[in-house]
Amino acid sequence: MYLEDLYVQPGHRGRGFGRELLRTLAAVCVQRGYSRLEWSVLDWNTPSIEFYRAAGATPMDDWTVFRLTDDALATFARPR
């Protein structure tokens, strides 16, 4: 399962809501027989990285995110 965004409003952080949301998704993965739960985090987002590591998640250092946007997206989309 790929998690696009996990966001807890600042006023609600530190109460375990993020952990419970992530735990619930992990439980869904286990129930459905999925082999992993995966997401991305910006490398400057230290609090989130620490949270994910504390949950037992490991970073996938071998992978690089690629993105097509704007002109490059439109150019690549054109048939040749």
C-alpha atoms as a PDB file:
ATOM      1  CA  MET A   1       0.000   0.000   0.000  1.00  0.00           C
ATOM      2  CA  TYR A   2       1.283   3.473  -0.811  1.00  0.00           C
ATOM      3  CA  LEU A   3       0.431   6.297   1.590  1.00  0.00           C
ATOM      4  CA  GLU A   4       0.308   9.624  -0.234  1.00  0.00           C
ATOM      5  CA  ASP A   5       0.056  11.969   2.755  1.00  0.00           C
ATOM      6  CA  LEU A   6      -0.162  11.649   6.522  1.00  0.00           C
ATOM      7  CA  TYR A   7      -0.805  15.022   8.085  1.00  0.00           C
ATOM      8  CA  VAL A   8      -1.806  15.832  11.631  1.00  0.00           C
ATOM      9  CA  GLN A   9      -2.597  19.471  12.324  1.00  0.00           C
ATOM     10  CA  PRO A  10      -0.020  21.076  14.626  1.00  0.00           C
ATOM     11  CA  GLY A  11      -2.534  21.602  17.417  1.00  0.00           C
ATOM     12  CA  HIS A  12      -3.292  17.864  17.488  1.00  0.00           C
ATOM     13  CA  ARG A  13       0.268  16.558  17.332  1.00  0.00           C
ATOM     14  CA  GLY A  14       1.816  14.698  20.229  1.00  0.00           C
ATOM     15  CA  ARG A  15      -1.428  12.937  21.145  1.00  0.00           C
ATOM     16  CA  GLY A  16      -0.792   9.704  19.241  1.00  0.00           C
ATOM     17  CA  PHE A  17      -3.146  10.422  16.326  1.00  0.00           C
ATOM     18  CA  GLY A  18      -0.433  10.024  13.671  1.00  0.00           C
ATOM     19  CA  ARG A  19       0.771   6.790  15.252  1.00  0.00           C
ATOM     20  CA  GLU A  20      -2.783   5.449  15.364  1.00  0.00           C
ATOM     21  CA  LEU A  21      -3.447   6.393  11.722  1.00  0.00           C
ATOM     22  CA  LEU A  22      -0.234   4.687  10.619  1.00  0.00           C
ATOM     23  CA  ARG A  23      -0.930   1.660  12.841  1.00  0.00           C
ATOM     24  CA  THR A  24      -4.425   1.330  11.351  1.00  0.00           C
ATOM     25  CA  LEU A  25      -3.007   1.365   7.814  1.00  0.00           C
ATOM     26  CA  ALA A  26      -0.438  -1.252   8.846  1.00  0.00           C
ATOM     27  CA  ALA A  27      -3.264  -3.414  10.221  1.00  0.00           C
ATOM     28  CA  VAL A  28      -5.163  -3.097   6.917  1.00  0.00           C
ATOM     29  CA  CYS A  29      -2.028  -4.221   5.069  1.00  0.00           C
ATOM     30  CA  VAL A  30      -1.652  -7.256   7.333  1.00  0.00           C
ATOM     31  CA  GLN A  31      -5.362  -8.145   7.047  1.00  0.00           C
ATOM     32  CA  ARG A  32      -5.243  -7.964   3.250  1.00  0.00           C
ATOM     33  CA  GLY A  33      -1.984  -9.870   2.943  1.00  0.00           C
ATOM     34  CA  TYR A  34       0.014  -6.925   1.601  1.00  0.00           C
ATOM     35  CA  SER A  35       3.760  -7.207   2.046  1.00  0.00           C
ATOM     36  CA  ARG A  36       4.507  -3.548   2.747  1.00  0.00           C
ATOM     37  CA  LEU A  37       3.274  -0.046   3.534  1.00  0.00           C
ATOM     38  CA  GLU A  38       5.288   2.623   1.795  1.00  0.00           C
ATOM     39  CA  TRP A  39       5.437   6.432   1.701  1.00  0.00           C
ATOM     40  CA  SER A  40       7.802   9.296   0.969  1.00  0.00           C
ATOM     41  CA  VAL A  41       9.075  12.050   3.219  1.00  0.00           C
ATOM     42  CA  LEU A  42      11.157  15.110   2.392  1.00  0.00           C
ATOM     43  CA  ASP A  43      14.720  14.731   3.649  1.00  0.00           C
ATOM     44  CA  TRP A  44      14.550  17.992   5.642  1.00  0.00           C
ATOM     45  CA  ASN A  45      11.495  16.836   7.621  1.00  0.00           C
ATOM     46  CA  THR A  46      13.435  15.607  10.644  1.00  0.00           C
ATOM     47  CA  PRO A  47      10.490  15.315  13.070  1.00  0.00           C
ATOM     48  CA  SER A  48       8.603  13.062  10.643  1.00  0.00           C
ATOM     49  CA  ILE A  49      11.689  10.990   9.877  1.00  0.00           C
ATOM     50  CA  GLU A  50      12.259  10.444  13.589  1.00  0.00           C
ATOM     51  CA  PHE A  51       8.585   9.507  14.028  1.00  0.00           C
ATOM     52  CA  TYR A  52       8.763   6.975  11.181  1.00  0.00           C
ATOM     53  CA  ARG A  53      12.018   5.474  12.462  1.00  0.00           C
ATOM     54  CA  ALA A  54      10.489   5.148  15.946  1.00  0.00           C
ATOM     55  CA  ALA A  55       7.626   3.209  14.345  1.00  0.00           C
ATOM     56  CA  GLY A  56      10.192   0.761  12.928  1.00  0.00           C
ATOM     57  CA  ALA A  57      10.207   2.070   9.345  1.00  0.00           C
ATOM     58  CA  THR A  58      13.457   2.016   7.399  1.00  0.00           C
ATOM     59  CA  PRO A  59      14.478   4.536   4.732  1.00  0.00           C
ATOM     60  CA  MET A  60      14.960   3.266   1.203  1.00  0.00           C
ATOM     61  CA  ASP A  61      18.266   4.979   0.496  1.00  0.00           C
ATOM     62  CA  ASP A  62      18.688   3.204  -2.841  1.00  0.00           C
ATOM     63  CA  TRP A  63      15.717   5.009  -4.405  1.00  0.00           C
ATOM     64  CA  THR A  64      15.486   8.450  -5.990  1.00  0.00           C
ATOM     65  CA  VAL A  65      12.199  10.200  -6.730  1.00  0.00           C
ATOM     66  CA  PHE A  66      11.730  11.435 -10.280  1.00  0.00           C
ATOM     67  CA  ARG A  67       9.102  13.896 -11.430  1.00  0.00           C
ATOM     68  CA  LEU A  68       7.862  15.305 -14.735  1.00  0.00           C
ATOM     69  CA  THR A  69       6.193  18.708 -14.484  1.00  0.00           C
ATOM     70  CA  ASP A  70       5.158  21.676 -16.587  1.00  0.00           C
ATOM     71  CA  ASP A  71       6.887  21.879 -19.995  1.00  0.00           C
ATOM     72  CA  ALA A  72       8.799  18.626 -19.543  1.00  0.00           C
ATOM     73  CA  LEU A  73       5.529  16.804 -18.798  1.00  0.00           C
ATOM     74  CA  ALA A  74       3.772  18.293 -21.807  1.00  0.00           C
ATOM     75  CA  THR A  75       6.737  17.612 -24.093  1.00  0.00           C
ATOM     76  CA  PHE A  76       7.047  14.000 -23.004  1.00  0.00           C
ATOM     77  CA  ALA A  77       3.285  13.448 -23.357  1.00  0.00           C
ATOM     78  CA  ARG A  78       3.284  14.365 -27.050  1.00  0.00           C
ATOM     79  CA  PRO A  79       3.157  11.394 -29.426  1.00  0.00           C
ATOM     80  CA  ARG A  80       6.253  10.922 -31.517  1.00  0.00           C
END
